[in-house]
């Protein structure tokens, strides 16, 4: 299924781009997402999802398929599997930035494939949830932009013209395979799909709840 979302951030496009393409910085902005480790250009982590009493944890990896620093466009590929083998998810996420009068407009197109328990809700519910979660992400990103802007203003590097520039040469890791770096990130709470979608999910579940109620009544009568 394809999900389309957009939001605006009150920050210059170059700053928004630098933060959005820094996976370690934006990971905490994503509800339910936790970055665990980085190996080369691959980022690995988990996304926790809760559907009523069911909690699923998708463990997977993400990497950039495309990154246009001039056109402000990036494509991220993410794949994950339920740790209990109950389903999997994969997505190509395209982010495009456009400067506006108040800051930067971010357009996100997600080509999503989901299987397992979470997939039972269909595209309509997923779109509702996606819109709600993207709003939370935009709010978190906006706060991060403010903090990043303050860092840029106060922590600008001082260049020493007399300092010697290191000569190009081999480093300790030249020629070696990328090392795995563990990210020290706090535990996150699972995304509550009922809480995220609210009424839309409940409306779709009404026929199911009615059917369950009828079955319960029949059982009680027979008893």
N, C-alpha and C. Protein backbone atom coordinates (compact mmCIF):
# COMPACT_ATOMS: atom_id res chain seq x y z
N UNK A 1 0.84 -1.18 0.00
CA UNK A 1 0.00 0.00 0.00
C UNK A 1 0.89 1.24 0.00
N UNK A 2 0.36 2.34 -0.56
CA UNK A 2 1.11 3.59 -0.59
C UNK A 2 0.47 4.59 0.35
N UNK A 3 1.29 5.18 1.19
CA UNK A 3 0.83 6.17 2.15
C UNK A 3 1.51 7.49 1.86
N UNK A 4 0.75 8.58 1.86
CA UNK A 4 1.29 9.90 1.55
C UNK A 4 1.04 10.85 2.70
N UNK A 5 2.09 11.51 3.14
CA UNK A 5 1.99 12.46 4.24
C UNK A 5 2.88 13.66 3.95
N UNK A 6 2.53 14.81 4.51
CA UNK A 6 3.39 15.98 4.41
C UNK A 6 3.19 16.85 5.65
N UNK A 7 4.22 17.62 5.97
CA UNK A 7 4.16 18.52 7.11
C UNK A 7 5.19 19.62 6.90
N UNK A 8 5.07 20.68 7.66
CA UNK A 8 6.00 21.80 7.57
C UNK A 8 6.76 21.97 8.88
N UNK A 9 8.01 22.37 8.73
CA UNK A 9 8.86 22.62 9.88
C UNK A 9 9.38 24.04 9.77
N UNK A 10 9.30 24.78 10.87
CA UNK A 10 9.76 26.18 10.87
C UNK A 10 11.27 26.24 11.04
N UNK A 11 11.98 25.80 10.00
CA UNK A 11 13.45 25.80 10.01
C UNK A 11 13.92 25.83 8.56
N UNK A 12 15.12 26.38 8.30
CA UNK A 12 15.63 26.43 6.93
C UNK A 12 15.87 25.05 6.35
N UNK A 13 15.75 24.95 5.04
CA UNK A 13 15.79 23.66 4.37
C UNK A 13 17.11 22.92 4.58
N UNK A 14 18.23 23.64 4.61
CA UNK A 14 19.52 22.98 4.80
C UNK A 14 19.61 22.32 6.18
N UNK A 15 19.08 22.99 7.20
CA UNK A 15 19.10 22.42 8.55
C UNK A 15 18.19 21.21 8.64
N UNK A 16 16.99 21.31 8.06
CA UNK A 16 16.06 20.19 8.08
C UNK A 16 16.66 18.99 7.36
N UNK A 17 17.30 19.25 6.21
CA UNK A 17 17.90 18.17 5.42
C UNK A 17 19.02 17.48 6.22
N UNK A 18 19.86 18.25 6.87
CA UNK A 18 20.98 17.67 7.61
C UNK A 18 20.49 16.78 8.75
N UNK A 19 19.37 17.16 9.37
CA UNK A 19 18.84 16.36 10.46
C UNK A 19 18.09 15.14 9.94
N UNK A 20 17.28 15.32 8.91
CA UNK A 20 16.49 14.20 8.36
C UNK A 20 17.37 13.09 7.81
N UNK A 21 18.54 13.42 7.32
CA UNK A 21 19.43 12.40 6.76
C UNK A 21 20.41 11.86 7.79
N UNK A 22 20.24 12.28 9.04
CA UNK A 22 21.05 11.76 10.14
C UNK A 22 20.16 10.80 10.94
N UNK A 23 20.22 9.52 10.56
CA UNK A 23 19.30 8.53 11.12
C UNK A 23 19.41 8.45 12.65
N UNK A 24 20.60 8.58 13.17
CA UNK A 24 20.76 8.48 14.62
C UNK A 24 20.03 9.61 15.35
N UNK A 25 19.95 10.77 14.73
CA UNK A 25 19.30 11.91 15.38
C UNK A 25 17.78 11.85 15.26
N UNK A 26 17.28 11.34 14.13
CA UNK A 26 15.83 11.34 13.95
C UNK A 26 15.15 10.09 14.51
N UNK A 27 15.91 9.03 14.76
CA UNK A 27 15.30 7.80 15.26
C UNK A 27 14.45 8.03 16.50
N UNK A 28 14.91 8.81 17.50
CA UNK A 28 14.07 9.04 18.68
C UNK A 28 12.78 9.82 18.37
N UNK A 29 12.71 10.47 17.20
CA UNK A 29 11.51 11.22 16.83
C UNK A 29 10.40 10.30 16.32
N UNK A 30 10.76 9.08 15.94
CA UNK A 30 9.80 8.14 15.37
C UNK A 30 9.14 7.34 16.48
N UNK A 31 7.81 7.45 16.66
CA UNK A 31 7.12 6.71 17.71
C UNK A 31 7.36 5.21 17.58
N UNK A 32 7.76 4.58 18.68
CA UNK A 32 7.95 3.14 18.70
C UNK A 32 9.26 2.64 18.13
N UNK A 33 10.09 3.54 17.61
CA UNK A 33 11.34 3.12 16.95
C UNK A 33 12.53 3.27 17.88
N UNK A 34 13.43 2.31 17.81
CA UNK A 34 14.65 2.35 18.61
C UNK A 34 15.82 1.86 17.77
N UNK A 35 16.81 2.72 17.58
CA UNK A 35 18.01 2.37 16.84
C UNK A 35 18.95 1.62 17.77
N UNK A 36 19.44 0.44 17.31
CA UNK A 36 20.27 -0.40 18.16
C UNK A 36 21.74 -0.41 17.76
N UNK A 37 22.00 -0.47 16.45
CA UNK A 37 23.39 -0.54 16.02
C UNK A 37 23.55 -0.04 14.59
N UNK A 38 24.79 0.33 14.27
CA UNK A 38 25.11 0.83 12.93
C UNK A 38 26.31 0.05 12.41
N UNK A 39 26.20 -0.42 11.16
CA UNK A 39 27.32 -1.10 10.51
C UNK A 39 27.48 -0.53 9.11
N UNK A 40 28.51 0.28 8.91
CA UNK A 40 28.70 0.92 7.62
C UNK A 40 27.55 1.85 7.33
N UNK A 41 26.86 1.62 6.20
CA UNK A 41 25.72 2.45 5.81
C UNK A 41 24.38 1.84 6.23
N UNK A 42 24.42 0.78 7.02
CA UNK A 42 23.20 0.10 7.42
C UNK A 42 22.88 0.41 8.89
N UNK A 43 21.60 0.74 9.11
CA UNK A 43 21.13 1.06 10.46
C UNK A 43 20.17 -0.03 10.90
N UNK A 44 20.39 -0.59 12.09
CA UNK A 44 19.55 -1.69 12.57
C UNK A 44 18.85 -1.30 13.86
N UNK A 45 17.62 -1.76 13.99
CA UNK A 45 16.87 -1.42 15.18
C UNK A 45 15.58 -2.18 15.25
N UNK A 46 14.66 -1.69 16.09
CA UNK A 46 13.36 -2.34 16.27
C UNK A 46 12.26 -1.30 16.23
N UNK A 47 11.07 -1.75 15.84
CA UNK A 47 9.85 -0.94 15.93
C UNK A 47 8.82 -1.78 16.67
N UNK A 48 8.29 -1.23 17.75
CA UNK A 48 7.34 -1.96 18.58
C UNK A 48 5.92 -1.47 18.30
N UNK A 49 5.02 -2.41 18.06
CA UNK A 49 3.64 -2.10 17.73
C UNK A 49 2.70 -2.86 18.66
N UNK A 50 1.68 -2.16 19.15
CA UNK A 50 0.70 -2.79 20.03
C UNK A 50 -0.68 -2.67 19.43
N UNK A 51 -1.38 -3.79 19.32
CA UNK A 51 -2.75 -3.82 18.81
C UNK A 51 -3.62 -4.48 19.87
N UNK A 52 -4.29 -3.66 20.71
CA UNK A 52 -5.04 -4.22 21.81
C UNK A 52 -4.11 -4.99 22.74
N UNK A 53 -4.40 -6.27 23.00
CA UNK A 53 -3.53 -7.06 23.88
C UNK A 53 -2.30 -7.62 23.18
N UNK A 54 -2.25 -7.46 21.86
CA UNK A 54 -1.15 -8.03 21.07
C UNK A 54 -0.03 -7.01 20.90
N UNK A 55 1.18 -7.40 21.25
CA UNK A 55 2.34 -6.54 21.05
C UNK A 55 3.31 -7.26 20.13
N UNK A 56 3.68 -6.59 19.05
CA UNK A 56 4.61 -7.16 18.09
C UNK A 56 5.86 -6.29 18.01
N UNK A 57 6.99 -6.93 17.83
CA UNK A 57 8.24 -6.19 17.71
C UNK A 57 8.90 -6.56 16.39
N UNK A 58 9.06 -5.57 15.53
CA UNK A 58 9.69 -5.79 14.24
C UNK A 58 11.17 -5.41 14.35
N UNK A 59 12.03 -6.37 14.07
CA UNK A 59 13.46 -6.13 14.11
C UNK A 59 14.00 -6.15 12.69
N UNK A 60 14.71 -5.10 12.31
CA UNK A 60 15.17 -5.05 10.93
C UNK A 60 16.27 -4.03 10.71
N UNK A 61 16.39 -3.62 9.45
CA UNK A 61 17.48 -2.73 9.06
C UNK A 61 17.00 -1.73 8.03
N UNK A 62 17.72 -0.63 7.93
CA UNK A 62 17.38 0.42 6.96
C UNK A 62 18.67 0.99 6.37
N UNK A 63 18.59 1.41 5.13
CA UNK A 63 19.74 2.03 4.47
C UNK A 63 19.23 2.94 3.36
N UNK A 64 20.05 3.91 2.96
CA UNK A 64 19.66 4.84 1.90
C UNK A 64 19.86 4.20 0.54
N UNK A 65 18.79 4.20 -0.27
CA UNK A 65 18.90 3.76 -1.67
C UNK A 65 19.35 4.93 -2.54
N UNK A 66 18.85 6.11 -2.23
CA UNK A 66 19.21 7.33 -2.96
C UNK A 66 19.35 8.47 -1.96
N UNK A 67 20.24 9.42 -2.31
CA UNK A 67 20.40 10.61 -1.47
C UNK A 67 20.93 11.75 -2.33
N UNK A 68 20.05 12.69 -2.63
CA UNK A 68 20.39 13.84 -3.47
C UNK A 68 20.51 15.07 -2.57
N UNK A 69 21.75 15.43 -2.21
CA UNK A 69 21.96 16.56 -1.31
C UNK A 69 21.70 17.90 -1.97
N UNK A 70 21.64 17.92 -3.31
CA UNK A 70 21.35 19.16 -4.03
C UNK A 70 19.85 19.35 -4.22
N UNK A 71 19.17 18.27 -4.60
CA UNK A 71 17.73 18.34 -4.83
C UNK A 71 16.90 18.07 -3.59
N UNK A 72 17.56 17.80 -2.46
CA UNK A 72 16.87 17.53 -1.20
C UNK A 72 15.84 16.40 -1.34
N UNK A 73 16.33 15.27 -1.82
CA UNK A 73 15.47 14.10 -1.99
C UNK A 73 16.24 12.85 -1.56
N UNK A 74 15.58 12.01 -0.78
CA UNK A 74 16.22 10.79 -0.30
C UNK A 74 15.22 9.64 -0.32
N UNK A 75 15.74 8.44 -0.60
CA UNK A 75 14.92 7.23 -0.57
C UNK A 75 15.57 6.26 0.40
N UNK A 76 14.79 5.84 1.39
CA UNK A 76 15.27 4.93 2.43
C UNK A 76 14.54 3.60 2.29
N UNK A 77 15.29 2.50 2.35
CA UNK A 77 14.71 1.17 2.31
C UNK A 77 14.76 0.58 3.71
N UNK A 78 13.63 0.14 4.20
CA UNK A 78 13.56 -0.44 5.54
C UNK A 78 12.84 -1.79 5.47
N UNK A 79 13.40 -2.77 6.16
CA UNK A 79 12.79 -4.09 6.20
C UNK A 79 12.84 -4.62 7.62
N UNK A 80 11.75 -5.26 8.05
CA UNK A 80 11.73 -5.79 9.40
C UNK A 80 10.86 -7.04 9.47
N UNK A 81 11.14 -7.84 10.50
CA UNK A 81 10.38 -9.08 10.69
C UNK A 81 9.97 -9.18 12.15
N UNK A 82 8.72 -9.64 12.35
CA UNK A 82 8.23 -9.86 13.70
C UNK A 82 9.16 -10.86 14.38
N UNK A 83 9.65 -10.52 15.57
CA UNK A 83 10.60 -11.39 16.25
C UNK A 83 10.02 -12.75 16.61
N UNK A 84 8.67 -12.86 16.60
CA UNK A 84 8.03 -14.15 16.88
C UNK A 84 7.61 -14.86 15.60
N UNK A 85 8.01 -14.31 14.45
CA UNK A 85 7.70 -14.94 13.18
C UNK A 85 6.27 -14.80 12.73
N UNK A 86 5.54 -13.82 13.28
CA UNK A 86 4.12 -13.67 12.96
C UNK A 86 3.86 -12.75 11.78
N UNK A 87 4.89 -12.23 11.16
CA UNK A 87 4.70 -11.35 10.02
C UNK A 87 5.95 -10.54 9.74
N UNK A 88 5.89 -9.74 8.70
CA UNK A 88 7.02 -8.88 8.39
C UNK A 88 6.54 -7.60 7.73
N UNK A 89 7.44 -6.64 7.63
CA UNK A 89 7.11 -5.36 7.01
C UNK A 89 8.30 -4.87 6.21
N UNK A 90 8.01 -4.22 5.10
CA UNK A 90 9.06 -3.64 4.26
C UNK A 90 8.52 -2.35 3.65
N UNK A 91 9.40 -1.38 3.47
CA UNK A 91 8.95 -0.09 2.95
C UNK A 91 10.07 0.63 2.22
N UNK A 92 9.70 1.29 1.14
CA UNK A 92 10.57 2.27 0.50
C UNK A 92 10.00 3.63 0.87
N UNK A 93 10.78 4.42 1.56
CA UNK A 93 10.31 5.71 2.07
C UNK A 93 11.03 6.84 1.33
N UNK A 94 10.26 7.65 0.61
CA UNK A 94 10.83 8.76 -0.16
C UNK A 94 10.50 10.07 0.54
N UNK A 95 11.53 10.84 0.85
CA UNK A 95 11.35 12.13 1.50
C UNK A 95 11.84 13.23 0.57
N UNK A 96 11.00 14.23 0.33
CA UNK A 96 11.36 15.36 -0.53
C UNK A 96 11.12 16.66 0.22
N UNK A 97 12.09 17.56 0.16
CA UNK A 97 12.01 18.82 0.89
C UNK A 97 11.84 19.99 -0.06
N UNK A 98 11.06 20.97 0.38
CA UNK A 98 10.81 22.17 -0.42
C UNK A 98 10.78 23.39 0.51
N UNK A 99 11.56 24.41 0.16
CA UNK A 99 11.59 25.63 0.98
C UNK A 99 10.28 26.39 0.83
N UNK A 100 9.78 26.90 1.95
CA UNK A 100 8.54 27.69 1.96
C UNK A 100 8.80 29.02 2.65
N UNK A 101 7.76 29.85 2.69
CA UNK A 101 7.89 31.17 3.33
C UNK A 101 8.14 31.05 4.83
N UNK A 102 7.63 29.98 5.43
CA UNK A 102 7.76 29.83 6.89
C UNK A 102 8.83 28.83 7.30
N UNK A 103 9.40 28.13 6.34
CA UNK A 103 10.42 27.14 6.68
C UNK A 103 10.60 26.11 5.60
N UNK A 104 10.27 24.86 5.91
CA UNK A 104 10.48 23.76 4.97
C UNK A 104 9.30 22.81 4.97
N UNK A 105 8.82 22.46 3.78
CA UNK A 105 7.76 21.47 3.64
C UNK A 105 8.41 20.11 3.36
N UNK A 106 8.00 19.11 4.12
CA UNK A 106 8.53 17.76 3.95
C UNK A 106 7.41 16.87 3.43
N UNK A 107 7.62 16.26 2.29
CA UNK A 107 6.65 15.32 1.72
C UNK A 107 7.22 13.91 1.81
N UNK A 108 6.45 13.01 2.43
CA UNK A 108 6.91 11.64 2.64
C UNK A 108 5.95 10.67 1.94
N UNK A 109 6.50 9.86 1.05
CA UNK A 109 5.72 8.83 0.37
C UNK A 109 6.26 7.48 0.79
N UNK A 110 5.38 6.64 1.34
CA UNK A 110 5.80 5.34 1.85
C UNK A 110 5.11 4.23 1.06
N UNK A 111 5.91 3.40 0.42
CA UNK A 111 5.40 2.22 -0.27
C UNK A 111 5.57 1.06 0.70
N UNK A 112 4.48 0.71 1.38
CA UNK A 112 4.55 -0.21 2.52
C UNK A 112 3.92 -1.57 2.21
N UNK A 113 4.60 -2.61 2.66
CA UNK A 113 4.07 -3.97 2.58
C UNK A 113 4.11 -4.57 3.97
N UNK A 114 2.95 -4.99 4.49
CA UNK A 114 2.87 -5.55 5.84
C UNK A 114 2.13 -6.87 5.79
N UNK A 115 2.63 -7.86 6.51
CA UNK A 115 1.93 -9.15 6.62
C UNK A 115 1.81 -9.48 8.10
N UNK A 116 0.92 -10.42 8.41
CA UNK A 116 0.76 -10.82 9.80
C UNK A 116 -0.42 -10.13 10.46
N UNK A 117 -0.44 -10.12 11.80
CA UNK A 117 -1.58 -9.62 12.57
C UNK A 117 -1.89 -8.16 12.29
N UNK A 118 -0.85 -7.34 12.17
CA UNK A 118 -1.06 -5.92 11.96
C UNK A 118 -1.72 -5.65 10.60
N UNK A 119 -1.49 -6.52 9.62
CA UNK A 119 -2.02 -6.30 8.27
C UNK A 119 -3.54 -6.47 8.21
N UNK A 120 -4.15 -7.06 9.23
CA UNK A 120 -5.59 -7.33 9.19
C UNK A 120 -6.42 -6.06 9.12
N UNK A 121 -5.85 -4.92 9.50
CA UNK A 121 -6.64 -3.69 9.54
C UNK A 121 -6.77 -3.03 8.18
N UNK A 122 -5.94 -3.39 7.21
CA UNK A 122 -6.10 -2.86 5.86
C UNK A 122 -5.56 -1.46 5.67
N UNK A 123 -5.68 -0.99 4.42
CA UNK A 123 -5.08 0.29 4.04
C UNK A 123 -5.72 1.48 4.75
N UNK A 124 -7.05 1.44 4.90
CA UNK A 124 -7.73 2.59 5.51
C UNK A 124 -7.22 2.90 6.90
N UNK A 125 -7.14 1.87 7.73
CA UNK A 125 -6.68 2.07 9.09
C UNK A 125 -5.20 2.45 9.10
N UNK A 126 -4.41 1.79 8.24
CA UNK A 126 -2.98 2.10 8.18
C UNK A 126 -2.77 3.57 7.80
N UNK A 127 -3.61 4.08 6.89
CA UNK A 127 -3.49 5.48 6.49
C UNK A 127 -3.82 6.40 7.66
N UNK A 128 -4.88 6.04 8.44
CA UNK A 128 -5.24 6.84 9.61
C UNK A 128 -4.11 6.85 10.63
N UNK A 129 -3.55 5.68 10.88
CA UNK A 129 -2.46 5.57 11.83
C UNK A 129 -1.23 6.33 11.34
N UNK A 130 -0.94 6.17 10.05
CA UNK A 130 0.21 6.84 9.47
C UNK A 130 0.12 8.35 9.63
N UNK A 131 -1.07 8.90 9.37
CA UNK A 131 -1.26 10.34 9.48
C UNK A 131 -1.04 10.81 10.92
N UNK A 132 -1.59 10.05 11.88
CA UNK A 132 -1.45 10.42 13.29
C UNK A 132 0.01 10.35 13.73
N UNK A 133 0.69 9.26 13.37
CA UNK A 133 2.08 9.09 13.78
C UNK A 133 3.00 10.09 13.10
N UNK A 134 2.68 10.44 11.84
CA UNK A 134 3.49 11.44 11.15
C UNK A 134 3.35 12.80 11.82
N UNK A 135 2.16 13.07 12.36
CA UNK A 135 1.97 14.31 13.10
C UNK A 135 2.83 14.34 14.35
N UNK A 136 2.90 13.19 15.05
CA UNK A 136 3.76 13.11 16.23
C UNK A 136 5.22 13.27 15.85
N UNK A 137 5.61 12.65 14.74
CA UNK A 137 6.98 12.76 14.26
C UNK A 137 7.32 14.21 13.92
N UNK A 138 6.39 14.89 13.25
CA UNK A 138 6.62 16.29 12.87
C UNK A 138 6.80 17.16 14.11
N UNK A 139 5.99 16.92 15.14
CA UNK A 139 6.12 17.70 16.39
C UNK A 139 7.49 17.46 17.02
N UNK A 140 7.89 16.19 17.07
CA UNK A 140 9.19 15.85 17.67
C UNK A 140 10.33 16.43 16.84
N UNK A 141 10.16 16.39 15.51
CA UNK A 141 11.19 16.93 14.63
C UNK A 141 11.31 18.43 14.81
N UNK A 142 10.16 19.11 14.97
CA UNK A 142 10.18 20.55 15.17
C UNK A 142 10.97 20.93 16.41
N UNK A 143 10.78 20.16 17.50
CA UNK A 143 11.53 20.42 18.73
C UNK A 143 13.02 20.17 18.51
N UNK A 144 13.33 19.12 17.74
CA UNK A 144 14.73 18.83 17.45
C UNK A 144 15.36 19.93 16.60
N UNK A 145 14.56 20.52 15.70
CA UNK A 145 15.07 21.61 14.86
C UNK A 145 15.46 22.81 15.71
N UNK A 146 14.63 23.11 16.71
CA UNK A 146 14.93 24.24 17.60
C UNK A 146 16.24 23.99 18.33
N UNK A 147 16.40 22.77 18.86
CA UNK A 147 17.62 22.43 19.58
C UNK A 147 18.82 22.47 18.63
N UNK A 148 18.64 21.98 17.40
CA UNK A 148 19.73 21.96 16.43
C UNK A 148 20.13 23.38 16.03
N UNK A 149 19.12 24.25 15.88
CA UNK A 149 19.41 25.64 15.52
C UNK A 149 20.22 26.32 16.61
N UNK A 150 19.89 26.02 17.88
CA UNK A 150 20.65 26.60 18.99
C UNK A 150 22.08 26.09 18.99
N UNK A 151 22.26 24.79 18.67
CA UNK A 151 23.61 24.22 18.63
C UNK A 151 24.44 24.88 17.54
N UNK A 152 23.82 25.12 16.37
CA UNK A 152 24.55 25.74 15.27
C UNK A 152 24.98 27.14 15.65
N UNK A 153 24.11 27.85 16.37
CA UNK A 153 24.41 29.24 16.73
C UNK A 153 25.47 29.35 17.81
N UNK A 154 25.50 28.38 18.73
CA UNK A 154 26.41 28.50 19.88
C UNK A 154 27.66 27.64 19.78
N UNK A 155 27.61 26.61 18.94
CA UNK A 155 28.74 25.68 18.88
C UNK A 155 29.46 25.72 17.55
N UNK A 156 29.47 26.87 16.86
CA UNK A 156 30.17 26.97 15.59
C UNK A 156 31.65 26.70 15.81
N UNK A 157 32.29 25.85 15.00
CA UNK A 157 33.69 25.50 15.19
C UNK A 157 34.61 26.68 14.90
N UNK A 158 35.69 26.75 15.66
CA UNK A 158 36.70 27.79 15.46
C UNK A 158 37.84 27.18 14.66
N UNK A 159 38.17 27.79 13.55
CA UNK A 159 39.20 27.26 12.68
C UNK A 159 40.53 27.91 13.01
N UNK A 160 41.54 27.09 13.28
CA UNK A 160 42.89 27.57 13.55
C UNK A 160 43.68 27.54 12.27
N UNK A 161 43.96 28.70 11.73
CA UNK A 161 44.66 28.77 10.44
C UNK A 161 46.06 28.21 10.53
N UNK A 162 46.66 28.21 11.74
CA UNK A 162 48.03 27.73 11.89
C UNK A 162 48.11 26.22 12.13
N UNK A 163 46.94 25.63 12.34
CA UNK A 163 46.95 24.18 12.61
C UNK A 163 47.33 23.41 11.36
N UNK A 164 48.09 22.35 11.57
CA UNK A 164 48.52 21.54 10.45
C UNK A 164 47.40 20.61 10.02
N UNK A 165 47.27 20.44 8.72
CA UNK A 165 46.27 19.54 8.17
C UNK A 165 46.87 18.16 8.05
N UNK A 166 46.25 17.15 8.62
CA UNK A 166 46.81 15.80 8.55
C UNK A 166 46.97 15.36 7.11
N UNK A 167 48.08 14.72 6.83
CA UNK A 167 48.33 14.22 5.47
C UNK A 167 47.42 13.05 5.20
N UNK A 168 46.99 12.92 3.93
CA UNK A 168 46.16 11.79 3.55
C UNK A 168 46.96 10.51 3.68
N UNK A 169 46.35 9.53 4.20
CA UNK A 169 47.06 8.26 4.36
C UNK A 169 46.14 7.23 4.93
N UNK A 170 46.63 6.01 5.04
CA UNK A 170 45.78 4.93 5.55
C UNK A 170 45.45 5.12 7.01
N UNK A 171 44.27 4.71 7.41
CA UNK A 171 43.86 4.75 8.81
C UNK A 171 43.82 3.33 9.33
N UNK A 172 43.55 3.20 10.62
CA UNK A 172 43.55 1.87 11.23
C UNK A 172 42.51 0.95 10.62
N UNK A 173 41.41 1.56 10.12
CA UNK A 173 40.33 0.73 9.59
C UNK A 173 40.36 0.59 8.08
N UNK A 174 41.36 1.24 7.41
CA UNK A 174 41.40 1.15 5.94
C UNK A 174 41.52 -0.30 5.52
N UNK A 175 40.65 -0.69 4.61
CA UNK A 175 40.69 -2.04 4.07
C UNK A 175 39.96 -3.06 4.93
N UNK A 176 39.55 -2.67 6.14
CA UNK A 176 38.84 -3.59 7.01
C UNK A 176 37.34 -3.50 6.76
N UNK A 177 36.64 -4.55 7.12
CA UNK A 177 35.18 -4.54 7.01
C UNK A 177 34.62 -3.56 8.03
N UNK A 178 33.47 -2.94 7.72
CA UNK A 178 32.87 -1.98 8.67
C UNK A 178 32.63 -2.63 10.02
N UNK A 179 32.92 -1.92 11.07
CA UNK A 179 32.68 -2.44 12.40
C UNK A 179 31.26 -2.13 12.84
N UNK A 180 30.73 -2.96 13.72
CA UNK A 180 29.39 -2.76 14.24
C UNK A 180 29.48 -1.86 15.47
N UNK A 181 28.76 -0.76 15.43
CA UNK A 181 28.76 0.18 16.55
C UNK A 181 27.40 0.11 17.24
N UNK A 182 27.41 -0.22 18.51
CA UNK A 182 26.18 -0.32 19.29
C UNK A 182 25.74 1.07 19.73
N UNK A 183 24.45 1.38 19.51
CA UNK A 183 23.89 2.68 19.87
C UNK A 183 23.27 2.59 21.26
N UNK A 184 23.69 3.46 22.14
CA UNK A 184 23.15 3.49 23.50
C UNK A 184 21.87 4.31 23.50
N UNK A 185 20.76 3.64 23.25
CA UNK A 185 19.47 4.33 23.17
C UNK A 185 18.52 3.77 24.23
N UNK A 186 17.70 4.61 24.85
CA UNK A 186 16.76 4.14 25.87
C UNK A 186 15.65 3.29 25.26
N UNK A 187 15.05 2.44 26.08
CA UNK A 187 13.92 1.63 25.66
C UNK A 187 12.75 2.54 25.28
N UNK A 188 11.97 2.13 24.29
CA UNK A 188 10.82 2.93 23.86
C UNK A 188 9.54 2.12 24.06
N UNK A 189 8.43 2.83 24.17
CA UNK A 189 7.14 2.18 24.30
C UNK A 189 6.60 1.80 22.93
N UNK A 190 5.83 0.74 22.87
CA UNK A 190 5.24 0.30 21.61
C UNK A 190 4.21 1.30 21.12
N UNK A 191 4.08 1.40 19.80
CA UNK A 191 3.03 2.23 19.21
C UNK A 191 1.69 1.57 19.49
N UNK A 192 0.79 2.27 20.13
CA UNK A 192 -0.55 1.75 20.40
C UNK A 192 -1.45 2.11 19.22
N UNK A 193 -1.72 1.14 18.35
CA UNK A 193 -2.51 1.43 17.15
C UNK A 193 -3.93 1.84 17.50
N UNK A 194 -4.50 1.31 18.58
CA UNK A 194 -5.83 1.75 18.99
C UNK A 194 -5.78 3.21 19.42
N UNK A 195 -4.76 3.56 20.19
CA UNK A 195 -4.63 4.93 20.65
C UNK A 195 -4.29 5.88 19.52
N UNK A 196 -3.52 5.39 18.54
CA UNK A 196 -3.11 6.25 17.43
C UNK A 196 -4.25 6.53 16.48
N UNK A 197 -5.06 5.49 16.19
CA UNK A 197 -6.13 5.67 15.21
C UNK A 197 -7.45 6.05 15.86
N UNK A 198 -7.67 5.54 17.10
CA UNK A 198 -8.89 5.88 17.82
C UNK A 198 -10.15 5.42 17.11
N UNK A 199 -11.06 6.35 16.87
CA UNK A 199 -12.38 6.05 16.29
C UNK A 199 -12.31 5.29 14.98
N UNK A 200 -11.41 5.64 14.04
CA UNK A 200 -11.39 4.92 12.77
C UNK A 200 -11.26 3.41 12.95
N UNK A 201 -10.37 2.97 13.85
CA UNK A 201 -10.21 1.53 14.07
C UNK A 201 -11.46 0.95 14.72
N UNK A 202 -11.99 1.66 15.71
CA UNK A 202 -13.17 1.15 16.41
C UNK A 202 -14.34 0.98 15.46
N UNK A 203 -14.52 1.92 14.52
CA UNK A 203 -15.61 1.81 13.55
C UNK A 203 -15.46 0.54 12.72
N UNK A 204 -14.23 0.24 12.31
CA UNK A 204 -14.01 -0.94 11.48
C UNK A 204 -14.16 -2.23 12.29
N UNK A 205 -13.98 -2.13 13.63
CA UNK A 205 -14.07 -3.31 14.46
C UNK A 205 -15.49 -3.58 14.96
N UNK A 206 -16.40 -2.61 14.80
CA UNK A 206 -17.77 -2.78 15.29
C UNK A 206 -18.42 -4.07 14.78
N UNK A 207 -18.38 -4.37 13.46
CA UNK A 207 -18.99 -5.62 12.99
C UNK A 207 -18.40 -6.84 13.67
N UNK A 208 -17.09 -6.84 13.90
CA UNK A 208 -16.44 -7.97 14.55
C UNK A 208 -16.91 -8.09 15.99
N UNK A 209 -16.98 -6.95 16.70
CA UNK A 209 -17.42 -6.96 18.09
C UNK A 209 -18.86 -7.43 18.21
N UNK A 210 -19.71 -6.99 17.27
CA UNK A 210 -21.11 -7.43 17.28
C UNK A 210 -21.19 -8.93 17.09
N UNK A 211 -20.43 -9.46 16.15
CA UNK A 211 -20.44 -10.91 15.89
C UNK A 211 -19.99 -11.68 17.13
N UNK A 212 -18.95 -11.19 17.79
CA UNK A 212 -18.47 -11.84 19.01
C UNK A 212 -19.55 -11.81 20.08
N UNK A 213 -20.25 -10.66 20.20
CA UNK A 213 -21.31 -10.53 21.20
C UNK A 213 -22.43 -11.53 20.94
N UNK A 214 -22.80 -11.68 19.66
CA UNK A 214 -23.87 -12.63 19.29
C UNK A 214 -23.47 -14.04 19.67
N UNK A 215 -22.22 -14.41 19.39
CA UNK A 215 -21.74 -15.76 19.72
C UNK A 215 -21.79 -15.99 21.22
N UNK A 216 -21.38 -14.98 21.99
CA UNK A 216 -21.40 -15.09 23.45
C UNK A 216 -22.83 -15.29 23.96
N UNK A 217 -23.79 -14.53 23.41
CA UNK A 217 -25.19 -14.65 23.82
C UNK A 217 -25.72 -16.04 23.51
N UNK A 218 -25.39 -16.55 22.32
CA UNK A 218 -25.86 -17.90 21.93
C UNK A 218 -25.30 -18.94 22.91
N UNK A 219 -24.03 -18.81 23.26
CA UNK A 219 -23.41 -19.76 24.18
C UNK A 219 -24.12 -19.73 25.53
N UNK A 220 -24.42 -18.49 26.01
CA UNK A 220 -25.08 -18.36 27.30
C UNK A 220 -26.49 -18.98 27.29
N UNK A 221 -27.22 -18.79 26.16
CA UNK A 221 -28.56 -19.34 26.02
C UNK A 221 -28.51 -20.87 26.02
N UNK A 222 -27.57 -21.43 25.28
CA UNK A 222 -27.44 -22.88 25.20
C UNK A 222 -27.10 -23.46 26.57
N UNK A 223 -26.31 -22.70 27.36
CA UNK A 223 -25.95 -23.19 28.68
C UNK A 223 -27.19 -23.16 29.59
